Amino acid sequence: ITFVSNIPGETQTLASAIYTYTQV
C-alpha cells in the first residue's frame, strides 16, 4: 500500500480490500 497505493482493480489485493472495508 505504501509503494502502489490501494487502487481498486489495479493494486487492491485481499489485504488492501480488507483494510478498505474496515474504514467504511
PDB file of all heavy atoms in Angstrom:
ATOM      1  N   ILE A   1       0.828  -1.205   0.000  1.00  0.00           N
ATOM      2  CA  ILE A   1       0.000   0.000   0.000  1.00  0.00           C
ATOM      3  C   ILE A   1       0.865   1.260   0.000  1.00  0.00           C
ATOM      4  O   ILE A   1       0.464   2.309  -0.508  1.00  0.00           O
ATOM      5  CB  ILE A   1      -0.972  -0.008   1.210  1.00  0.00           C
ATOM      6  CG1 ILE A   1      -2.131   0.945   0.946  1.00  0.00           C
ATOM      7  CG2 ILE A   1      -0.253   0.338   2.499  1.00  0.00           C
ATOM      8  CD1 ILE A   1      -3.262   0.826   1.944  1.00  0.00           C
ATOM      9  N   THR A   2       2.079   1.167   0.552  1.00  0.00           N
ATOM     10  CA  THR A   2       2.984   2.321   0.537  1.00  0.00           C
ATOM     11  C   THR A   2       3.559   2.543  -0.853  1.00  0.00           C
ATOM     12  O   THR A   2       3.720   3.683  -1.296  1.00  0.00           O
ATOM     13  CB  THR A   2       4.131   2.104   1.537  1.00  0.00           C
ATOM     14  OG1 THR A   2       3.594   1.864   2.839  1.00  0.00           O
ATOM     15  CG2 THR A   2       5.046   3.328   1.598  1.00  0.00           C
ATOM     16  N   PHE A   3       3.848   1.468  -1.550  1.00  0.00           N
ATOM     17  CA  PHE A   3       4.503   1.548  -2.854  1.00  0.00           C
ATOM     18  C   PHE A   3       3.510   1.805  -3.983  1.00  0.00           C
ATOM     19  O   PHE A   3       3.756   2.639  -4.865  1.00  0.00           O
ATOM     20  CB  PHE A   3       5.274   0.255  -3.092  1.00  0.00           C
ATOM     21  CG  PHE A   3       6.052   0.222  -4.382  1.00  0.00           C
ATOM     22  CD1 PHE A   3       6.594   1.371  -4.938  1.00  0.00           C
ATOM     23  CD2 PHE A   3       6.257  -0.979  -5.037  1.00  0.00           C
ATOM     24  CE1 PHE A   3       7.315   1.338  -6.130  1.00  0.00           C
ATOM     25  CE2 PHE A   3       6.986  -1.034  -6.216  1.00  0.00           C
ATOM     26  CZ  PHE A   3       7.510   0.122  -6.767  1.00  0.00           C
ATOM     27  N   VAL A   4       2.390   1.103  -3.985  1.00  0.00           N
ATOM     28  CA  VAL A   4       1.476   1.184  -5.130  1.00  0.00           C
ATOM     29  C   VAL A   4       0.081   1.670  -4.762  1.00  0.00           C
ATOM     30  O   VAL A   4      -0.836   1.623  -5.587  1.00  0.00           O
ATOM     31  CB  VAL A   4       1.378  -0.185  -5.842  1.00  0.00           C
ATOM     32  CG1 VAL A   4       2.724  -0.585  -6.398  1.00  0.00           C
ATOM     33  CG2 VAL A   4       0.847  -1.255  -4.894  1.00  0.00           C
ATOM     34  N   SER A   5      -0.103   2.099  -3.509  1.00  0.00           N
ATOM     35  CA  SER A   5      -1.382   2.623  -3.053  1.00  0.00           C
ATOM     36  C   SER A   5      -2.449   1.511  -3.026  1.00  0.00           C
ATOM     37  O   SER A   5      -2.133   0.326  -3.008  1.00  0.00           O
ATOM     38  CB  SER A   5      -1.831   3.797  -3.931  1.00  0.00           C
ATOM     39  OG  SER A   5      -2.955   4.442  -3.377  1.00  0.00           O
ATOM     40  N   ASN A   6      -3.712   1.910  -3.042  1.00  0.00           N
ATOM     41  CA  ASN A   6      -4.830   0.978  -2.905  1.00  0.00           C
ATOM     42  C   ASN A   6      -5.862   1.288  -3.979  1.00  0.00           C
ATOM     43  O   ASN A   6      -6.909   1.870  -3.706  1.00  0.00           O
ATOM     44  CB  ASN A   6      -5.425   1.106  -1.496  1.00  0.00           C
ATOM     45  CG  ASN A   6      -6.529   0.120  -1.229  1.00  0.00           C
ATOM     46  OD1 ASN A   6      -6.749  -0.826  -1.986  1.00  0.00           O
ATOM     47  ND2 ASN A   6      -7.266   0.336  -0.146  1.00  0.00           N
ATOM     48  N   ILE A   7      -5.560   0.909  -5.198  1.00  0.00           N
ATOM     49  CA  ILE A   7      -6.386   1.252  -6.355  1.00  0.00           C
ATOM     50  C   ILE A   7      -7.246   0.050  -6.737  1.00  0.00           C
ATOM     51  O   ILE A   7      -6.710  -0.988  -7.154  1.00  0.00           O
ATOM     52  CB  ILE A   7      -5.518   1.666  -7.552  1.00  0.00           C
ATOM     53  CG1 ILE A   7      -4.555   2.793  -7.145  1.00  0.00           C
ATOM     54  CG2 ILE A   7      -6.388   2.093  -8.724  1.00  0.00           C
ATOM     55  CD1 ILE A   7      -3.532   3.129  -8.199  1.00  0.00           C
ATOM     56  N   PRO A   8      -8.571   0.140  -6.617  1.00  0.00           N
ATOM     57  CA  PRO A   8      -9.445  -0.996  -6.963  1.00  0.00           C
ATOM     58  C   PRO A   8      -9.228  -1.458  -8.405  1.00  0.00           C
ATOM     59  O   PRO A   8      -9.169  -0.643  -9.331  1.00  0.00           O
ATOM     60  CB  PRO A   8     -10.857  -0.427  -6.775  1.00  0.00           C
ATOM     61  CG  PRO A   8     -10.676   0.675  -5.768  1.00  0.00           C
ATOM     62  CD  PRO A   8      -9.335   1.283  -6.077  1.00  0.00           C
ATOM     63  N   GLY A   9      -9.071  -2.754  -8.562  1.00  0.00           N
ATOM     64  CA  GLY A   9      -8.893  -3.329  -9.884  1.00  0.00           C
ATOM     65  C   GLY A   9      -7.478  -3.281 -10.404  1.00  0.00           C
ATOM     66  O   GLY A   9      -7.172  -3.916 -11.417  1.00  0.00           O
ATOM     67  N   GLU A  10      -6.592  -2.546  -9.734  1.00  0.00           N
ATOM     68  CA  GLU A  10      -5.209  -2.419 -10.207  1.00  0.00           C
ATOM     69  C   GLU A  10      -4.207  -2.865  -9.142  1.00  0.00           C
ATOM     70  O   GLU A  10      -3.322  -3.667  -9.424  1.00  0.00           O
ATOM     71  CB  GLU A  10      -4.907  -0.971 -10.600  1.00  0.00           C
ATOM     72  CG  GLU A  10      -3.494  -0.734 -11.115  1.00  0.00           C
ATOM     73  CD  GLU A  10      -3.215  -1.451 -12.416  1.00  0.00           C
ATOM     74  OE1 GLU A  10      -4.151  -1.556 -13.245  1.00  0.00           O
ATOM     75  OE2 GLU A  10      -2.076  -1.899 -12.627  1.00  0.00           O
ATOM     76  N   THR A  11      -4.353  -2.350  -7.935  1.00  0.00           N
ATOM     77  CA  THR A  11      -3.408  -2.718  -6.873  1.00  0.00           C
ATOM     78  C   THR A  11      -4.108  -3.149  -5.583  1.00  0.00           C
ATOM     79  O   THR A  11      -3.441  -3.415  -4.591  1.00  0.00           O
ATOM     80  CB  THR A  11      -2.471  -1.538  -6.542  1.00  0.00           C
ATOM     81  OG1 THR A  11      -3.236  -0.457  -5.993  1.00  0.00           O
ATOM     82  CG2 THR A  11      -1.724  -1.071  -7.779  1.00  0.00           C
ATOM     83  N   GLN A  12      -5.435  -3.200  -5.594  1.00  0.00           N
ATOM     84  CA  GLN A  12      -6.165  -3.557  -4.372  1.00  0.00           C
ATOM     85  C   GLN A  12      -6.222  -5.069  -4.206  1.00  0.00           C
ATOM     86  O   GLN A  12      -7.044  -5.758  -4.780  1.00  0.00           O
ATOM     87  CB  GLN A  12      -7.583  -2.989  -4.387  1.00  0.00           C
ATOM     88  CG  GLN A  12      -8.307  -3.138  -3.056  1.00  0.00           C
ATOM     89  CD  GLN A  12      -9.682  -2.516  -3.075  1.00  0.00           C
ATOM     90  OE1 GLN A  12     -10.625  -3.100  -3.598  1.00  0.00           O
ATOM     91  NE2 GLN A  12      -9.812  -1.321  -2.518  1.00  0.00           N
ATOM     92  N   THR A  13      -5.315  -5.590  -3.395  1.00  0.00           N
ATOM     93  CA  THR A  13      -5.262  -7.019  -3.114  1.00  0.00           C
ATOM     94  C   THR A  13      -6.205  -7.352  -1.959  1.00  0.00           C
ATOM     95  O   THR A  13      -6.920  -6.476  -1.457  1.00  0.00           O
ATOM     96  CB  THR A  13      -3.831  -7.436  -2.752  1.00  0.00           C
ATOM     97  OG1 THR A  13      -3.406  -6.668  -1.607  1.00  0.00           O
ATOM     98  CG2 THR A  13      -2.879  -7.167  -3.913  1.00  0.00           C
ATOM     99  N   LEU A  14      -6.200  -8.611  -1.534  1.00  0.00           N
ATOM    100  CA  LEU A  14      -7.079  -9.013  -0.436  1.00  0.00           C
ATOM    101  C   LEU A  14      -6.842  -8.177   0.816  1.00  0.00           C
ATOM    102  O   LEU A  14      -7.788  -7.689   1.446  1.00  0.00           O
ATOM    103  CB  LEU A  14      -6.850 -10.500  -0.113  1.00  0.00           C
ATOM    104  CG  LEU A  14      -7.646 -11.528  -0.909  1.00  0.00           C
ATOM    105  CD1 LEU A  14      -7.214 -12.924  -0.511  1.00  0.00           C
ATOM    106  CD2 LEU A  14      -9.134 -11.350  -0.688  1.00  0.00           C
ATOM    107  N   ALA A  15      -5.582  -8.029   1.187  1.00  0.00           N
ATOM    108  CA  ALA A  15      -5.265  -7.278   2.405  1.00  0.00           C
ATOM    109  C   ALA A  15      -5.714  -5.826   2.293  1.00  0.00           C
ATOM    110  O   ALA A  15      -6.264  -5.255   3.244  1.00  0.00           O
ATOM    111  CB  ALA A  15      -3.766  -7.353   2.676  1.00  0.00           C
ATOM    112  N   SER A  16      -5.478  -5.225   1.138  1.00  0.00           N
ATOM    113  CA  SER A  16      -5.896  -3.830   0.934  1.00  0.00           C
ATOM    114  C   SER A  16      -7.408  -3.694   0.944  1.00  0.00           C
ATOM    115  O   SER A  16      -7.955  -2.718   1.464  1.00  0.00           O
ATOM    116  CB  SER A  16      -5.332  -3.310  -0.387  1.00  0.00           C
ATOM    117  OG  SER A  16      -3.923  -3.372  -0.409  1.00  0.00           O
ATOM    118  N   ALA A  17      -8.089  -4.683   0.361  1.00  0.00           N
ATOM    119  CA  ALA A  17      -9.551  -4.641   0.340  1.00  0.00           C
ATOM    120  C   ALA A  17     -10.119  -4.769   1.752  1.00  0.00           C
ATOM    121  O   ALA A  17     -11.091  -4.085   2.101  1.00  0.00           O
ATOM    122  CB  ALA A  17     -10.091  -5.759  -0.551  1.00  0.00           C
ATOM    123  N   ILE A  18      -9.516  -5.632   2.563  1.00  0.00           N
ATOM    124  CA  ILE A  18      -9.968  -5.770   3.953  1.00  0.00           C
ATOM    125  C   ILE A  18      -9.807  -4.446   4.685  1.00  0.00           C
ATOM    126  O   ILE A  18     -10.702  -3.999   5.412  1.00  0.00           O
ATOM    127  CB  ILE A  18      -9.167  -6.882   4.668  1.00  0.00           C
ATOM    128  CG1 ILE A  18      -9.527  -8.249   4.076  1.00  0.00           C
ATOM    129  CG2 ILE A  18      -9.451  -6.867   6.170  1.00  0.00           C
ATOM    130  CD1 ILE A  18      -8.659  -9.373   4.584  1.00  0.00           C
ATOM    131  N   TYR A  19      -8.673  -3.807   4.488  1.00  0.00           N
ATOM    132  CA  TYR A  19      -8.431  -2.500   5.125  1.00  0.00           C
ATOM    133  C   TYR A  19      -9.483  -1.478   4.675  1.00  0.00           C
ATOM    134  O   TYR A  19     -10.007  -0.715   5.490  1.00  0.00           O
ATOM    135  CB  TYR A  19      -7.036  -2.014   4.766  1.00  0.00           C
ATOM    136  CG  TYR A  19      -6.746  -0.608   5.234  1.00  0.00           C
ATOM    137  CD1 TYR A  19      -6.450  -0.340   6.568  1.00  0.00           C
ATOM    138  CD2 TYR A  19      -6.781   0.461   4.333  1.00  0.00           C
ATOM    139  CE1 TYR A  19      -6.194   0.951   7.000  1.00  0.00           C
ATOM    140  CE2 TYR A  19      -6.528   1.757   4.762  1.00  0.00           C
ATOM    141  CZ  TYR A  19      -6.238   1.990   6.090  1.00  0.00           C
ATOM    142  OH  TYR A  19      -5.988   3.270   6.508  1.00  0.00           O
ATOM    143  N   THR A  20      -9.792  -1.487   3.391  1.00  0.00           N
ATOM    144  CA  THR A  20     -10.776  -0.544   2.860  1.00  0.00           C
ATOM    145  C   THR A  20     -12.143  -0.761   3.491  1.00  0.00           C
ATOM    146  O   THR A  20     -12.822   0.192   3.905  1.00  0.00           O
ATOM    147  CB  THR A  20     -10.884  -0.690   1.338  1.00  0.00           C
ATOM    148  OG1 THR A  20      -9.625  -0.388   0.739  1.00  0.00           O
ATOM    149  CG2 THR A  20     -11.943   0.255   0.772  1.00  0.00           C
ATOM    150  N   TYR A  21     -12.556  -2.028   3.575  1.00  0.00           N
ATOM    151  CA  TYR A  21     -13.877  -2.329   4.123  1.00  0.00           C
ATOM    152  C   TYR A  21     -13.982  -1.990   5.609  1.00  0.00           C
ATOM    153  O   TYR A  21     -15.068  -1.680   6.096  1.00  0.00           O
ATOM    154  CB  TYR A  21     -14.231  -3.802   3.902  1.00  0.00           C
ATOM    155  CG  TYR A  21     -14.588  -4.124   2.473  1.00  0.00           C
ATOM    156  CD1 TYR A  21     -13.970  -5.170   1.795  1.00  0.00           C
ATOM    157  CD2 TYR A  21     -15.557  -3.387   1.794  1.00  0.00           C
ATOM    158  CE1 TYR A  21     -14.288  -5.470   0.476  1.00  0.00           C
ATOM    159  CE2 TYR A  21     -15.888  -3.674   0.482  1.00  0.00           C
ATOM    160  CZ  TYR A  21     -15.249  -4.721  -0.181  1.00  0.00           C
ATOM    161  OH  TYR A  21     -15.576  -5.009  -1.488  1.00  0.00           O
ATOM    162  N   THR A  22     -12.869  -2.059   6.321  1.00  0.00           N
ATOM    163  CA  THR A  22     -12.913  -1.701   7.744  1.00  0.00           C
ATOM    164  C   THR A  22     -13.035  -0.192   7.958  1.00  0.00           C
ATOM    165  O   THR A  22     -13.341   0.258   9.064  1.00  0.00           O
ATOM    166  CB  THR A  22     -11.658  -2.197   8.482  1.00  0.00           C
ATOM    167  OG1 THR A  22     -10.490  -1.590   7.903  1.00  0.00           O
ATOM    168  CG2 THR A  22     -11.543  -3.706   8.399  1.00  0.00           C
ATOM    169  N   GLN A  23     -12.793   0.573   6.905  1.00  0.00           N
ATOM    170  CA  GLN A  23     -12.830   2.033   7.012  1.00  0.00           C
ATOM    171  C   GLN A  23     -14.158   2.633   6.559  1.00  0.00           C
ATOM    172  O   GLN A  23     -14.362   3.845   6.681  1.00  0.00           O
ATOM    173  CB  GLN A  23     -11.696   2.654   6.177  1.00  0.00           C
ATOM    174  CG  GLN A  23     -10.305   2.165   6.541  1.00  0.00           C
ATOM    175  CD  GLN A  23      -9.968   2.435   7.985  1.00  0.00           C
ATOM    176  OE1 GLN A  23     -10.057   3.559   8.459  1.00  0.00           O
ATOM    177  NE2 GLN A  23      -9.568   1.380   8.701  1.00  0.00           N
ATOM    178  N   VAL A  24     -15.061   1.800   6.015  1.00  0.00           N
ATOM    179  CA  VAL A  24     -16.341   2.338   5.529  1.00  0.00           C
ATOM    180  C   VAL A  24     -17.481   1.771   6.367  1.00  0.00           C
ATOM    181  O   VAL A  24     -17.428   0.623   6.829  1.00  0.00           O
ATOM    182  CB  VAL A  24     -16.550   1.975   4.040  1.00  0.00           C
ATOM    183  CG1 VAL A  24     -15.466   2.596   3.186  1.00  0.00           C
ATOM    184  CG2 VAL A  24     -16.588   0.468   3.843  1.00  0.00           C
TER     185      VAL A  24
END
